[in-house]
């Protein structure tokens, strides 16, 4: 009986974790969509944002 209760507790904990991770992913997705929408509406990127160069700087 004890093992069954441990299994149920573990199962419930895994379900809670999975739901929390789903909520986090959803929040990230919504924020990205909002950023893309804001960027698409603006004519130019903000002056304080810089694009990272794909190439290393030479000395």
Protein backbone atom coordinates (compact mmCIF):
# COMPACT_ATOMS: atom_id res chain seq x y z
CA UNK A 1 0.00 0.00 0.00
CA UNK A 2 2.85 2.36 0.86
CA UNK A 3 4.39 1.91 -2.61
CA UNK A 4 1.10 2.76 -4.31
CA UNK A 5 0.85 6.01 -2.34
CA UNK A 6 4.45 6.90 -3.22
CA UNK A 7 3.67 6.21 -6.86
CA UNK A 8 0.59 8.45 -6.74
CA UNK A 9 2.51 11.25 -5.04
CA UNK A 10 5.29 11.03 -7.61
CA UNK A 11 2.77 10.94 -10.44
CA UNK A 12 0.96 14.01 -9.12
CA UNK A 13 4.24 15.87 -8.73
CA UNK A 14 5.24 15.07 -12.31
CA UNK A 15 1.86 16.28 -13.56
CA UNK A 16 2.30 19.56 -11.66
CA UNK A 17 5.80 20.05 -13.05
CA UNK A 18 4.66 19.36 -16.59
CA UNK A 19 1.83 21.87 -16.26
CA UNK A 20 4.22 24.51 -14.87
CA UNK A 21 6.63 23.94 -17.76
CA UNK A 22 3.77 24.25 -20.25
CA UNK A 23 2.77 27.56 -18.70
CA UNK A 24 6.34 28.84 -18.91
CA UNK A 25 6.64 27.84 -22.57
CA UNK A 26 3.31 29.51 -23.33
CA UNK A 27 4.42 32.72 -21.61
CA UNK A 28 7.67 32.75 -23.59
CA UNK A 29 5.77 32.16 -26.82
CA UNK A 30 3.38 35.03 -26.08
CA UNK A 31 6.24 37.40 -25.22
CA UNK A 32 8.09 36.51 -28.43
CA UNK A 33 4.96 37.05 -30.48
CA UNK A 34 4.44 40.44 -28.82
CA UNK A 35 8.05 41.43 -29.54
CA UNK A 36 7.74 40.37 -33.17
CA UNK A 37 4.53 42.33 -33.51
CA UNK A 38 6.13 45.42 -32.01
CA UNK A 39 9.20 45.07 -34.23
CA UNK A 40 7.08 44.59 -37.34
CA UNK A 41 5.12 47.78 -36.64
CA UNK A 42 8.22 49.92 -36.16
CA UNK A 43 9.97 51.27 -39.24
CA UNK A 44 13.46 50.86 -37.78
CA UNK A 45 14.92 48.95 -34.87
CA UNK A 46 15.61 50.90 -31.69
CA UNK A 47 18.87 52.80 -31.79
CA UNK A 48 20.14 51.15 -28.61
CA UNK A 49 19.82 47.63 -30.03
CA UNK A 50 22.81 46.13 -31.79
CA UNK A 51 22.99 43.15 -34.04
CA UNK A 52 25.63 40.68 -32.98
CA UNK A 53 28.22 40.02 -35.64
CA UNK A 54 28.50 36.39 -36.73
CA UNK A 55 32.24 36.84 -37.29
CA UNK A 56 34.98 37.30 -34.74
CA UNK A 57 36.68 40.66 -34.68
CA UNK A 58 40.18 40.79 -36.05
CA UNK A 59 42.93 42.69 -34.32
